[in-house]
Each structure stands twice: as C-alpha cells, then as structure tokens.
Amino acid sequence: MITEDLIKRINELAARKKTVGLSEKELAEQKKLYKIYLASVRKQVITQLDEAGIRPEGHAHHCCDDNCSHNHHHHHGPNCNHDRHK
C-alpha cells in the first residue's frame, strides 16, 4: 500500500542518492521501497482495468517457440519460429 510515509522515504533516498550517494543498506532499502511502490501501482491499475471490464486473455510478452506454456492466442508473425508455419 502506498502511504505518505512510503513516498516521503522514497523521495528522501532519491534526493540523498543525487547529493551524497547511498550506503549499501540504503540502496537495499530503496530497492525494497520501489518494489512495494510498483507492486501497489500495478495492483491499482489491474483493479481499475478489471472494474472497467477490461480483461486481457493473457499477458503481453514476445515469446514464439514450442516451449511457450502461456495460455494465449498465438499470432504467427515474421519472427515466428514454429516450423509448421514457415
């Protein structure tokens, strides 16, 4: 969850990084806080899309091989390496 304290600490670390740099401990903290922030933003976007009735069939990725286990409709474009479509 994004809180005022989370944003404040992220901004403090970002400012410190620009001026004097961060210790290893602070870099680890910054990475952890960014991860929390981004996960919360992603969750909010997914919730809003879901509430709007937008439900993608899969997720965006660029795989095109016989080992792909993703459940998605496959478009056989110019980079497709499925032998049966060449």
N, C-alpha and C. Protein backbone atom coordinates (compact mmCIF):
# COMPACT_ATOMS: atom_id res chain seq x y z
N MET A 1 0.83 -1.18 0.00
CA MET A 1 0.00 0.00 0.00
C MET A 1 0.88 1.25 0.00
N ILE A 2 0.51 2.20 -0.82
CA ILE A 2 1.27 3.44 -0.89
C ILE A 2 0.78 4.38 0.21
N THR A 3 1.70 4.73 1.08
CA THR A 3 1.38 5.65 2.17
C THR A 3 2.20 6.92 2.00
N GLU A 4 1.81 7.94 2.74
CA GLU A 4 2.55 9.20 2.71
C GLU A 4 3.99 8.98 3.20
N ASP A 5 4.14 8.14 4.22
CA ASP A 5 5.48 7.85 4.75
C ASP A 5 6.35 7.12 3.72
N LEU A 6 5.73 6.20 2.96
CA LEU A 6 6.47 5.48 1.92
C LEU A 6 7.00 6.45 0.87
N ILE A 7 6.13 7.33 0.38
CA ILE A 7 6.53 8.32 -0.63
C ILE A 7 7.60 9.25 -0.07
N LYS A 8 7.42 9.67 1.17
CA LYS A 8 8.40 10.57 1.80
C LYS A 8 9.78 9.91 1.86
N ARG A 9 9.82 8.64 2.27
CA ARG A 9 11.11 7.95 2.39
C ARG A 9 11.74 7.69 1.03
N ILE A 10 10.92 7.33 0.04
CA ILE A 10 11.44 7.15 -1.32
C ILE A 10 12.08 8.44 -1.81
N ASN A 11 11.39 9.55 -1.59
CA ASN A 11 11.92 10.85 -2.03
C ASN A 11 13.18 11.24 -1.27
N GLU A 12 13.23 10.94 0.03
CA GLU A 12 14.43 11.23 0.82
C GLU A 12 15.63 10.46 0.27
N LEU A 13 15.43 9.19 0.01
CA LEU A 13 16.53 8.37 -0.51
C LEU A 13 16.95 8.82 -1.91
N ALA A 14 15.99 9.20 -2.74
CA ALA A 14 16.31 9.66 -4.09
C ALA A 14 17.14 10.95 -4.03
N ALA A 15 16.75 11.87 -3.15
CA ALA A 15 17.49 13.13 -3.01
C ALA A 15 18.89 12.87 -2.47
N ARG A 16 18.98 12.00 -1.49
CA ARG A 16 20.29 11.67 -0.90
C ARG A 16 21.20 10.99 -1.93
N LYS A 17 20.61 10.14 -2.76
CA LYS A 17 21.39 9.45 -3.79
C LYS A 17 22.01 10.45 -4.76
N LYS A 18 21.25 11.50 -5.08
CA LYS A 18 21.75 12.53 -6.01
C LYS A 18 22.83 13.40 -5.40
N THR A 19 22.77 13.60 -4.09
CA THR A 19 23.72 14.52 -3.46
C THR A 19 24.97 13.83 -2.91
N VAL A 20 24.78 12.91 -2.00
CA VAL A 20 25.95 12.29 -1.35
C VAL A 20 26.09 10.80 -1.63
N GLY A 21 25.09 10.23 -2.25
CA GLY A 21 25.13 8.79 -2.52
C GLY A 21 24.50 8.01 -1.38
N LEU A 22 24.29 6.74 -1.64
CA LEU A 22 23.65 5.88 -0.65
C LEU A 22 24.58 4.75 -0.22
N SER A 23 24.44 4.36 1.02
CA SER A 23 25.18 3.20 1.53
C SER A 23 24.53 1.94 0.95
N GLU A 24 25.19 0.82 1.12
CA GLU A 24 24.62 -0.45 0.65
C GLU A 24 23.27 -0.72 1.32
N LYS A 25 23.20 -0.41 2.60
CA LYS A 25 21.95 -0.61 3.35
C LYS A 25 20.84 0.28 2.78
N GLU A 26 21.18 1.53 2.49
CA GLU A 26 20.19 2.45 1.93
C GLU A 26 19.78 2.04 0.51
N LEU A 27 20.73 1.55 -0.28
CA LEU A 27 20.39 1.07 -1.63
C LEU A 27 19.41 -0.11 -1.55
N ALA A 28 19.65 -1.00 -0.60
CA ALA A 28 18.75 -2.14 -0.42
C ALA A 28 17.36 -1.67 0.03
N GLU A 29 17.35 -0.69 0.92
CA GLU A 29 16.06 -0.13 1.37
C GLU A 29 15.33 0.53 0.21
N GLN A 30 16.05 1.29 -0.60
CA GLN A 30 15.45 1.97 -1.74
C GLN A 30 14.85 0.95 -2.71
N LYS A 31 15.58 -0.10 -2.98
CA LYS A 31 15.10 -1.15 -3.88
C LYS A 31 13.82 -1.78 -3.33
N LYS A 32 13.82 -2.07 -2.03
CA LYS A 32 12.64 -2.66 -1.39
C LYS A 32 11.44 -1.72 -1.47
N LEU A 33 11.67 -0.43 -1.21
CA LEU A 33 10.57 0.54 -1.25
C LEU A 33 10.03 0.71 -2.66
N TYR A 34 10.92 0.75 -3.65
CA TYR A 34 10.48 0.83 -5.05
C TYR A 34 9.62 -0.38 -5.41
N LYS A 35 10.03 -1.54 -4.94
CA LYS A 35 9.29 -2.78 -5.23
C LYS A 35 7.88 -2.71 -4.63
N ILE A 36 7.78 -2.23 -3.40
CA ILE A 36 6.48 -2.07 -2.75
C ILE A 36 5.62 -1.08 -3.52
N TYR A 37 6.22 0.04 -3.89
CA TYR A 37 5.50 1.09 -4.62
C TYR A 37 4.98 0.57 -5.96
N LEU A 38 5.86 -0.06 -6.73
CA LEU A 38 5.47 -0.55 -8.06
C LEU A 38 4.41 -1.66 -7.97
N ALA A 39 4.52 -2.53 -6.99
CA ALA A 39 3.52 -3.58 -6.82
C ALA A 39 2.15 -2.97 -6.52
N SER A 40 2.14 -1.92 -5.73
CA SER A 40 0.89 -1.26 -5.39
C SER A 40 0.29 -0.57 -6.61
N VAL A 41 1.13 0.10 -7.40
CA VAL A 41 0.65 0.75 -8.62
C VAL A 41 0.09 -0.28 -9.58
N ARG A 42 0.80 -1.37 -9.78
CA ARG A 42 0.32 -2.44 -10.67
C ARG A 42 -1.04 -2.97 -10.21
N LYS A 43 -1.16 -3.20 -8.91
CA LYS A 43 -2.42 -3.71 -8.37
C LYS A 43 -3.56 -2.73 -8.62
N GLN A 44 -3.29 -1.43 -8.45
CA GLN A 44 -4.31 -0.41 -8.69
C GLN A 44 -4.74 -0.40 -10.15
N VAL A 45 -3.78 -0.50 -11.06
CA VAL A 45 -4.10 -0.49 -12.49
C VAL A 45 -4.92 -1.72 -12.86
N ILE A 46 -4.51 -2.88 -12.37
CA ILE A 46 -5.24 -4.11 -12.66
C ILE A 46 -6.66 -4.03 -12.12
N THR A 47 -6.82 -3.50 -10.92
CA THR A 47 -8.15 -3.34 -10.33
C THR A 47 -9.01 -2.41 -11.17
N GLN A 48 -8.44 -1.29 -11.60
CA GLN A 48 -9.20 -0.34 -12.42
C GLN A 48 -9.58 -0.94 -13.76
N LEU A 49 -8.68 -1.67 -14.39
CA LEU A 49 -9.00 -2.31 -15.66
C LEU A 49 -10.09 -3.36 -15.47
N ASP A 50 -9.98 -4.12 -14.40
CA ASP A 50 -10.98 -5.14 -14.12
C ASP A 50 -12.35 -4.51 -13.89
N GLU A 51 -12.39 -3.42 -13.14
CA GLU A 51 -13.65 -2.73 -12.88
C GLU A 51 -14.24 -2.13 -14.15
N ALA A 52 -13.38 -1.79 -15.11
CA ALA A 52 -13.84 -1.25 -16.39
C ALA A 52 -14.24 -2.36 -17.35
N GLY A 53 -14.08 -3.60 -16.93
CA GLY A 53 -14.46 -4.73 -17.77
C GLY A 53 -13.40 -5.13 -18.77
N ILE A 54 -12.20 -4.64 -18.58
CA ILE A 54 -11.10 -4.98 -19.48
C ILE A 54 -10.32 -6.13 -18.87
N ARG A 55 -10.41 -7.28 -19.53
CA ARG A 55 -9.73 -8.48 -19.03
C ARG A 55 -8.95 -9.11 -20.16
N PRO A 56 -7.67 -8.81 -20.24
CA PRO A 56 -6.87 -9.42 -21.31
C PRO A 56 -6.84 -10.94 -21.17
N GLU A 57 -6.78 -11.63 -22.31
CA GLU A 57 -6.76 -13.09 -22.31
C GLU A 57 -5.46 -13.65 -21.74
N GLY A 58 -4.42 -12.92 -21.81
CA GLY A 58 -3.13 -13.37 -21.31
C GLY A 58 -2.37 -12.16 -20.84
N HIS A 59 -1.11 -12.17 -21.07
CA HIS A 59 -0.31 -11.00 -20.76
C HIS A 59 0.61 -10.72 -21.93
N ALA A 60 1.09 -9.50 -21.98
CA ALA A 60 1.94 -9.11 -23.10
C ALA A 60 3.33 -9.72 -22.94
N HIS A 61 3.71 -10.48 -23.89
CA HIS A 61 5.08 -11.00 -23.94
C HIS A 61 5.38 -11.37 -25.37
N HIS A 62 6.62 -11.55 -25.65
CA HIS A 62 7.05 -11.77 -27.02
C HIS A 62 7.73 -13.13 -27.16
N CYS A 63 7.01 -14.18 -26.83
CA CYS A 63 7.60 -15.50 -26.98
C CYS A 63 7.07 -16.13 -28.25
N CYS A 64 7.85 -16.93 -28.84
CA CYS A 64 7.39 -17.62 -30.05
C CYS A 64 8.24 -18.86 -30.24
N ASP A 65 8.07 -19.80 -29.34
CA ASP A 65 8.77 -21.06 -29.50
C ASP A 65 7.89 -22.20 -29.02
N ASP A 66 8.27 -23.40 -29.31
CA ASP A 66 7.46 -24.56 -28.96
C ASP A 66 7.41 -24.82 -27.46
N ASN A 67 8.27 -24.16 -26.69
CA ASN A 67 8.28 -24.36 -25.25
C ASN A 67 7.40 -23.37 -24.51
N CYS A 68 6.75 -22.47 -25.23
CA CYS A 68 5.90 -21.48 -24.60
C CYS A 68 4.72 -22.18 -23.94
N SER A 69 4.56 -21.96 -22.65
CA SER A 69 3.46 -22.60 -21.93
C SER A 69 2.37 -21.59 -21.57
N HIS A 70 2.50 -20.37 -22.06
CA HIS A 70 1.49 -19.36 -21.77
C HIS A 70 0.20 -19.66 -22.52
N ASN A 71 -0.91 -19.38 -21.87
CA ASN A 71 -2.21 -19.60 -22.48
C ASN A 71 -2.61 -18.33 -23.22
N HIS A 72 -2.32 -18.28 -24.50
CA HIS A 72 -2.66 -17.09 -25.28
C HIS A 72 -2.87 -17.47 -26.73
N HIS A 73 -3.55 -16.57 -27.44
CA HIS A 73 -3.72 -16.78 -28.87
C HIS A 73 -2.40 -16.44 -29.53
N HIS A 74 -1.94 -17.29 -30.39
CA HIS A 74 -0.63 -17.10 -30.99
C HIS A 74 -0.75 -16.49 -32.38
N HIS A 75 -0.07 -15.39 -32.59
CA HIS A 75 -0.02 -14.74 -33.90
C HIS A 75 1.29 -15.13 -34.55
N HIS A 76 1.23 -15.68 -35.71
CA HIS A 76 2.43 -16.14 -36.39
C HIS A 76 2.95 -15.04 -37.30
N GLY A 77 3.80 -14.20 -36.75
CA GLY A 77 4.36 -13.08 -37.49
C GLY A 77 5.70 -13.43 -38.09
N PRO A 78 6.41 -12.42 -38.58
CA PRO A 78 7.68 -12.66 -39.27
C PRO A 78 8.76 -13.26 -38.38
N ASN A 79 8.66 -13.09 -37.07
CA ASN A 79 9.68 -13.63 -36.16
C ASN A 79 9.30 -14.99 -35.60
N CYS A 80 8.18 -15.52 -36.03
CA CYS A 80 7.72 -16.81 -35.51
C CYS A 80 8.67 -17.91 -35.96
N ASN A 81 9.08 -18.76 -35.02
CA ASN A 81 9.97 -19.85 -35.39
C ASN A 81 9.29 -21.21 -35.29
N HIS A 82 7.98 -21.23 -35.30
CA HIS A 82 7.27 -22.50 -35.37
C HIS A 82 7.45 -23.06 -36.77
N ASP A 83 8.05 -24.23 -36.88
CA ASP A 83 8.36 -24.82 -38.19
C ASP A 83 7.12 -25.02 -39.05
N ARG A 84 6.02 -25.34 -38.44
CA ARG A 84 4.83 -25.64 -39.24
C ARG A 84 4.24 -24.40 -39.93
N HIS A 85 4.73 -23.22 -39.59
CA HIS A 85 4.18 -22.00 -40.18
C HIS A 85 5.17 -21.32 -41.12
N LYS A 86 6.21 -22.02 -41.51
CA LYS A 86 7.22 -21.41 -42.39
C LYS A 86 7.10 -21.95 -43.77
